[in-house]
């Protein structure tokens, strides 16, 4: 027969083992939460003191049938006086979902690199991800790129083509003192007389009288403009009516005089009319040599002295400048057009 004391000891041991097992299971669950965090990098990843930045973080369920409710928080390290502040919004989401993480800085925020830690927590446990952010004084600037190439890239003399340019503000750039950037083709190679010409039209068209200017925003929204390239084609001289056509009209007065003289029988009038007819006939023989003009077409392509864009492949270097003379921070883009 088992004593009551032994029975109690056995029961205590079983209860203790059961408690330890529950703790182990809870610990295991805590290390394997039923969700995962997938963040994007901050945009921009570096900011001036006093400028904010943000990103998004995706919360996805993992190995669970019931959608987990995840509480979000974030912290900044190292902790500095006037350092960046972090905010996750919304603070609680039901997976799958997306939340935003915003970092605010002050003008007095120290210019160093920070680690932003975003943590998600639910009943199954927690998970954290780290993101980098640098606070540093940067120079506002902009880039100029060809976002849509010329189409077509080969045209006959007298035709044109177009493409699209994109101006992208960087680091809060606001277009200098005028808020606008004027575009131009700084170079066309090879240089020739009657070379192709560039023109620019902002999209949407600028309100100002200068269509070759684009307005930019410190929010970082790109601005666009259409680049149009035109060429000069051959000129055709219009056919002029030969002067002999007009000279024929001179014969009618002479014929009329001759007729009048014939009716009256005046010998002197008859002689005068005959002399006038002979004079006009001689003039008609001479007029074709000095008054006739035949059609001529300017088809010379080997030189530009005739005012026609020579057949060749041309490269255009594109640039911009704001009211303070600031040019793009990237290498000047180029486009190429073949005239055939």
Protein backbone atom coordinates (compact mmCIF):
# COMPACT_ATOMS: atom_id res chain seq x y z
CA UNK A 1 0.00 0.00 0.00
CA UNK A 2 1.35 3.37 -1.00
CA UNK A 3 1.73 5.85 1.84
CA UNK A 4 0.05 9.22 1.61
CA UNK A 5 3.42 10.93 1.95
CA UNK A 6 4.82 9.15 -1.13
CA UNK A 7 1.65 9.95 -3.04
CA UNK A 8 1.95 13.63 -2.24
CA UNK A 9 5.61 13.69 -3.27
CA UNK A 10 4.80 12.01 -6.59
CA UNK A 11 1.96 14.46 -7.24
CA UNK A 12 4.22 17.41 -6.51
CA UNK A 13 6.86 16.11 -8.89
CA UNK A 14 4.30 15.62 -11.67
CA UNK A 15 2.93 19.13 -11.14
CA UNK A 16 6.45 20.57 -11.20
CA UNK A 17 7.28 18.76 -14.44
CA UNK A 18 4.04 19.97 -15.99
CA UNK A 19 4.80 23.55 -14.96
CA UNK A 20 8.30 23.34 -16.43
CA UNK A 21 6.88 21.93 -19.66
CA UNK A 22 4.43 24.84 -19.97
CA UNK A 23 7.27 27.30 -19.43
CA UNK A 24 9.31 25.60 -22.14
CA UNK A 25 6.39 25.71 -24.56
CA UNK A 26 5.77 29.38 -23.79
CA UNK A 27 9.44 30.19 -24.33
CA UNK A 28 9.43 28.30 -27.61
CA UNK A 29 6.35 30.19 -28.77
CA UNK A 30 7.96 33.46 -27.75
CA UNK A 31 10.91 32.75 -30.01
CA UNK A 32 8.65 31.98 -33.00
CA UNK A 33 6.01 34.69 -33.35
CA UNK A 34 3.18 34.09 -35.77
CA UNK A 35 4.01 37.18 -37.83
CA UNK A 36 6.94 38.74 -39.62
CA UNK A 37 8.04 42.36 -40.27
CA UNK A 38 9.26 43.42 -43.74
CA UNK A 39 10.40 47.06 -43.83
CA UNK A 40 11.49 49.33 -46.69
CA UNK A 41 14.48 51.66 -46.36
CA UNK A 42 13.84 55.27 -45.38
CA UNK A 43 13.26 57.66 -48.27
CA UNK A 44 15.44 59.63 -48.20
CA UNK A 45 17.98 57.64 -46.11
CA UNK A 46 19.86 60.85 -45.22
CA UNK A 47 18.27 64.14 -44.19
CA UNK A 48 19.22 67.63 -43.16
CA UNK A 49 18.68 68.55 -39.51
CA UNK A 50 15.08 69.67 -39.21
CA UNK A 51 13.87 67.47 -42.10
CA UNK A 52 11.61 64.42 -41.74
CA UNK A 53 11.74 61.07 -43.51
CA UNK A 54 9.50 58.01 -43.57
CA UNK A 55 9.12 54.43 -44.71
CA UNK A 56 6.59 51.61 -44.70
CA UNK A 57 6.68 48.28 -42.91
CA UNK A 58 4.66 45.25 -43.97
CA UNK A 59 3.25 42.96 -41.27
CA UNK A 60 2.51 39.45 -42.57
CA UNK A 61 1.08 36.41 -40.73
CA UNK A 62 3.21 33.24 -40.47
CA UNK A 63 1.94 29.68 -39.87
CA UNK A 64 -1.33 30.75 -38.35
CA UNK A 65 -4.99 30.49 -39.31
CA UNK A 66 -6.17 33.34 -37.10
CA UNK A 67 -4.95 36.80 -38.21
CA UNK A 68 -2.67 38.08 -35.43
CA UNK A 69 -3.04 41.55 -33.95
CA UNK A 70 0.42 43.09 -33.78
CA UNK A 71 1.37 46.11 -31.68
CA UNK A 72 4.11 48.27 -33.22
CA UNK A 73 6.67 50.52 -31.56
CA UNK A 74 10.00 52.05 -32.55
CA UNK A 75 13.08 53.46 -30.83
CA UNK A 76 16.18 55.44 -31.84
CA UNK A 77 19.77 54.74 -30.84
CA UNK A 78 21.93 56.35 -29.72
CA UNK A 79 19.72 58.53 -27.57
CA UNK A 80 20.81 62.14 -28.03
CA UNK A 81 19.61 65.47 -26.75
CA UNK A 82 17.34 66.84 -29.52
CA UNK A 83 17.80 63.52 -31.29
CA UNK A 84 15.34 62.10 -33.83
CA UNK A 85 11.91 60.96 -32.69
CA UNK A 86 10.19 57.88 -34.09
CA UNK A 87 6.51 57.17 -34.60
CA UNK A 88 4.77 54.04 -35.94
CA UNK A 89 1.27 54.54 -37.33
CA UNK A 90 -1.05 52.87 -36.74
CA UNK A 91 0.29 51.54 -33.46
CA UNK A 92 -1.66 48.29 -33.83
CA UNK A 93 -2.51 46.34 -37.02
CA UNK A 94 -4.18 43.07 -37.88
CA UNK A 95 -1.90 41.11 -40.21
CA UNK A 96 -1.61 41.21 -43.14
CA UNK A 97 -1.31 44.98 -43.12
CA UNK A 98 1.05 47.91 -43.75
CA UNK A 99 2.10 50.63 -41.30
CA UNK A 100 4.23 53.73 -41.70
CA UNK A 101 7.26 54.74 -39.67
CA UNK A 102 8.12 58.44 -39.56
CA UNK A 103 11.31 60.03 -38.22
CA UNK A 104 11.27 63.71 -37.25
CA UNK A 105 14.42 65.74 -36.61
CA UNK A 106 15.16 69.21 -35.27
CA UNK A 107 17.52 71.81 -36.65
CA UNK A 108 19.61 71.12 -33.53
CA UNK A 109 19.62 67.33 -34.05
CA UNK A 110 23.23 66.04 -33.96
CA UNK A 111 24.58 65.12 -37.39
CA UNK A 112 25.41 61.43 -36.92
CA UNK A 113 24.13 58.02 -38.03
CA UNK A 114 21.21 56.50 -36.11
CA UNK A 115 19.73 53.01 -35.81
CA UNK A 116 15.93 52.86 -35.88
CA UNK A 117 14.51 49.71 -34.27
CA UNK A 118 10.92 48.76 -35.11
CA UNK A 119 9.36 46.11 -32.84
CA UNK A 120 6.17 44.13 -33.30
CA UNK A 121 4.53 42.25 -30.45
CA UNK A 122 1.52 39.94 -30.13
CA UNK A 123 0.44 37.00 -27.96
CA UNK A 124 2.95 34.69 -29.66
CA UNK A 125 5.98 36.86 -29.00
CA UNK A 126 7.88 39.74 -30.56
CA UNK A 127 10.12 40.52 -33.50
CA UNK A 128 12.37 43.51 -34.25
CA UNK A 129 14.01 44.93 -37.37
CA UNK A 130 16.68 47.63 -37.63
CA UNK A 131 16.91 50.47 -40.16
CA UNK A 132 19.67 53.03 -40.69
CA UNK A 133 19.27 56.79 -40.91
CA UNK A 134 21.88 59.52 -41.26
CA UNK A 135 21.33 63.13 -40.23
CA UNK A 136 23.79 65.31 -42.12
CA UNK A 137 23.78 68.72 -43.76
CA UNK A 138 23.43 68.07 -47.51
CA UNK A 139 23.44 70.48 -50.45
CA UNK A 140 20.12 70.76 -52.29
CA UNK A 141 20.50 69.91 -55.98
CA UNK A 142 18.73 68.28 -58.90
CA UNK A 143 19.35 65.78 -61.67
CA UNK A 144 18.43 65.96 -65.36
CA UNK A 145 17.80 62.71 -67.24
CA UNK A 146 16.31 61.51 -70.52
CA UNK A 147 13.31 59.50 -69.35
CA UNK A 148 11.91 58.83 -72.84
CA UNK A 149 14.43 58.59 -75.73
CA UNK A 150 13.95 60.39 -79.03
CA UNK A 151 11.36 58.78 -81.27
CA UNK A 152 12.17 58.43 -84.11
CA UNK A 153 15.97 58.51 -83.90
CA UNK A 154 16.40 58.91 -87.68
CA UNK A 155 14.55 61.49 -89.81
CA UNK A 156 14.79 62.92 -93.35
CA UNK A 157 15.89 66.52 -93.91
CA UNK A 158 13.13 68.91 -92.90
CA UNK A 159 11.54 66.55 -90.32
CA UNK A 160 11.83 66.48 -86.53
CA UNK A 161 11.60 64.24 -83.48
CA UNK A 162 10.95 64.49 -79.73
CA UNK A 163 11.61 62.86 -76.36
CA UNK A 164 10.95 63.54 -72.66
CA UNK A 165 13.32 64.90 -70.00
CA UNK A 166 12.87 64.53 -66.23
CA UNK A 167 14.14 66.98 -63.60
CA UNK A 168 14.35 65.39 -60.12
CA UNK A 169 14.89 67.65 -57.05
CA UNK A 170 17.24 66.28 -54.37
CA UNK A 171 17.56 67.10 -50.67
CA UNK A 172 14.71 69.60 -50.63
CA UNK A 173 15.85 71.52 -53.74
CA UNK A 174 13.32 74.22 -54.63
CA UNK A 175 14.61 75.63 -57.92
CA UNK A 176 16.91 78.34 -56.61
CA UNK A 177 15.76 81.94 -56.27
CA UNK A 178 13.28 81.69 -59.17
CA UNK A 179 11.86 78.23 -58.51
CA UNK A 180 12.43 77.39 -62.17
CA UNK A 181 15.08 75.68 -64.29
CA UNK A 182 15.81 76.77 -67.85
CA UNK A 183 16.72 73.93 -70.23
CA UNK A 184 19.03 74.20 -73.23
CA UNK A 185 21.21 72.22 -75.63
CA UNK A 186 24.68 73.34 -74.59
CA UNK A 187 26.41 71.59 -77.49
CA UNK A 188 25.56 70.07 -80.87
CA UNK A 189 28.22 67.95 -82.58
CA UNK A 190 29.36 68.07 -85.28
CA UNK A 191 28.96 71.85 -85.59
CA UNK A 192 27.55 72.83 -89.00
CA UNK A 193 25.64 75.67 -90.57
CA UNK A 194 21.87 75.02 -90.52
CA UNK A 195 22.38 72.41 -87.77
CA UNK A 196 19.34 70.80 -86.06
CA UNK A 197 17.71 73.03 -83.44
CA UNK A 198 16.50 72.14 -79.91
CA UNK A 199 13.41 73.48 -78.18
CA UNK A 200 11.75 72.57 -74.87
CA UNK A 201 8.18 72.60 -73.57
CA UNK A 202 7.36 72.00 -69.91
CA UNK A 203 4.76 69.34 -69.12
CA UNK A 204 2.30 70.65 -68.21
CA UNK A 205 3.13 73.81 -70.21
CA UNK A 206 4.62 76.64 -68.14
CA UNK A 207 2.35 79.56 -67.27
CA UNK A 208 5.24 81.97 -67.76
CA UNK A 209 6.14 83.27 -71.27
CA UNK A 210 9.24 81.04 -71.22
CA UNK A 211 8.16 77.52 -72.32
CA UNK A 212 11.71 76.19 -71.89
CA UNK A 213 11.52 76.46 -68.09
CA UNK A 214 10.24 73.83 -65.65
CA UNK A 215 9.04 74.40 -62.10
CA UNK A 216 10.32 72.13 -59.34
CA UNK A 217 9.05 71.38 -55.85
CA UNK A 218 11.06 70.81 -52.65
CA UNK A 219 8.80 67.82 -51.99
CA UNK A 220 10.94 65.89 -54.47
CA UNK A 221 8.24 65.50 -57.15
CA UNK A 222 9.93 65.21 -60.56
CA UNK A 223 9.18 67.76 -63.29
CA UNK A 224 9.07 66.86 -66.99
CA UNK A 225 9.63 68.61 -70.31
CA UNK A 226 9.41 67.60 -73.97
CA UNK A 227 12.57 68.10 -76.04
CA UNK A 228 11.86 68.72 -79.74
CA UNK A 229 14.57 68.66 -82.41
CA UNK A 230 13.85 70.18 -85.82
CA UNK A 231 15.85 70.16 -89.06
CA UNK A 232 15.86 72.23 -92.29
CA UNK A 233 14.85 70.54 -95.54
CA UNK A 234 15.50 71.40 -99.21
CA UNK A 235 13.65 74.44 -100.69
CA UNK A 236 11.87 74.23 -104.06
CA UNK A 237 11.71 77.43 -106.19
CA UNK A 238 8.18 78.01 -107.50
CA UNK A 239 7.77 78.03 -111.32
CA UNK A 240 7.25 81.58 -112.65
CA UNK A 241 5.15 82.29 -115.76
CA UNK A 242 7.40 83.13 -118.79
CA UNK A 243 7.42 86.79 -119.78
CA UNK A 244 6.53 85.81 -123.32
CA UNK A 245 3.00 85.12 -122.03
CA UNK A 246 2.60 88.77 -121.03
CA UNK A 247 4.24 89.98 -124.26
CA UNK A 248 1.53 88.31 -126.30
CA UNK A 249 -0.92 90.84 -124.91
CA UNK A 250 1.06 93.59 -126.66
CA UNK A 251 0.05 92.18 -130.04
CA UNK A 252 -3.61 93.02 -129.63
CA UNK A 253 -3.21 96.85 -129.79
CA UNK A 254 -1.04 96.44 -132.85
CA UNK A 255 -3.58 94.22 -134.56
CA UNK A 256 -6.33 96.67 -133.65
CA UNK A 257 -4.38 99.59 -135.18
CA UNK A 258 -3.71 97.59 -138.27
CA UNK A 259 -7.41 96.79 -138.59
CA UNK A 260 -8.41 100.40 -138.14
CA UNK A 261 -5.95 101.54 -140.75
CA UNK A 262 -7.21 98.89 -143.15
CA UNK A 263 -10.84 100.03 -142.85
CA UNK A 264 -10.02 103.68 -143.46
CA UNK A 265 -7.62 102.95 -146.27
CA UNK A 266 -5.02 105.19 -144.79
CA UNK A 267 -1.67 104.14 -146.20
CA UNK A 268 0.24 105.78 -143.39
CA UNK A 269 -1.80 103.88 -140.75
CA UNK A 270 -1.28 100.63 -142.61
CA UNK A 271 2.46 101.19 -142.67
CA UNK A 272 2.55 102.09 -138.97
CA UNK A 273 0.57 98.98 -138.00
CA UNK A 274 2.82 96.72 -140.03
CA UNK A 275 5.94 98.24 -138.50
CA UNK A 276 4.52 97.76 -134.98
CA UNK A 277 3.75 94.10 -135.67
CA UNK A 278 7.29 93.48 -136.94
CA UNK A 279 8.77 95.15 -133.83
CA UNK A 280 6.66 93.01 -131.48
CA UNK A 281 7.57 89.85 -133.34
CA UNK A 282 11.27 90.60 -132.97
CA UNK A 283 10.78 91.25 -129.25
CA UNK A 284 9.03 87.95 -128.78
CA UNK A 285 12.04 86.16 -130.22
CA UNK A 286 14.34 87.79 -127.64
CA UNK A 287 12.11 87.43 -124.52
CA UNK A 288 12.49 83.67 -123.96
CA UNK A 289 16.26 84.01 -123.52
CA UNK A 290 15.92 86.45 -120.64
CA UNK A 291 12.53 85.84 -119.07
CA UNK A 292 11.84 82.10 -118.90
CA UNK A 293 12.29 80.39 -115.52
CA UNK A 294 12.18 76.60 -115.10
CA UNK A 295 11.59 74.72 -111.83
CA UNK A 296 14.72 74.20 -109.71
CA UNK A 297 15.08 72.04 -106.62
CA UNK A 298 17.83 72.44 -104.04
CA UNK A 299 19.03 68.88 -103.51
CA UNK A 300 22.63 69.36 -102.42
CA UNK A 301 23.32 67.52 -99.13
CA UNK A 302 27.06 67.58 -98.92
CA UNK A 303 27.30 71.11 -97.55
CA UNK A 304 25.17 73.50 -95.56
CA UNK A 305 25.76 76.61 -97.66
CA UNK A 306 22.34 76.10 -99.23
CA UNK A 307 20.60 76.38 -95.83
CA UNK A 308 19.71 72.68 -95.60
CA UNK A 309 20.66 70.56 -92.58
CA UNK A 310 23.46 68.28 -93.82
CA UNK A 311 22.93 64.53 -93.63
CA UNK A 312 24.79 63.29 -90.57
CA UNK A 313 24.49 61.84 -87.07
CA UNK A 314 24.19 64.63 -84.47
CA UNK A 315 24.73 64.42 -80.70
CA UNK A 316 23.02 66.96 -78.42
CA UNK A 317 24.29 67.67 -74.90
CA UNK A 318 21.44 68.85 -72.66
CA UNK A 319 21.77 70.94 -69.53
CA UNK A 320 19.82 73.25 -67.28
CA UNK A 321 20.39 76.24 -65.01
CA UNK A 322 18.24 77.84 -62.33
CA UNK A 323 18.02 81.52 -61.43
CA UNK A 324 21.24 81.21 -59.40
CA UNK A 325 23.13 79.45 -62.19
CA UNK A 326 23.05 76.03 -60.51
CA UNK A 327 23.44 73.22 -63.09
CA UNK A 328 22.41 69.55 -62.65
CA UNK A 329 24.47 67.50 -60.21
CA UNK A 330 24.67 64.49 -62.55
CA UNK A 331 26.57 64.14 -65.83
CA UNK A 332 24.86 66.06 -68.62
CA UNK A 333 22.63 63.68 -70.62
CA UNK A 334 22.87 63.37 -74.40
CA UNK A 335 20.61 62.32 -77.26
CA UNK A 336 21.57 61.38 -80.83
CA UNK A 337 19.64 62.02 -84.05
CA UNK A 338 20.51 60.85 -87.57
CA UNK A 339 19.46 63.09 -90.49
CA UNK A 340 19.26 61.22 -93.76
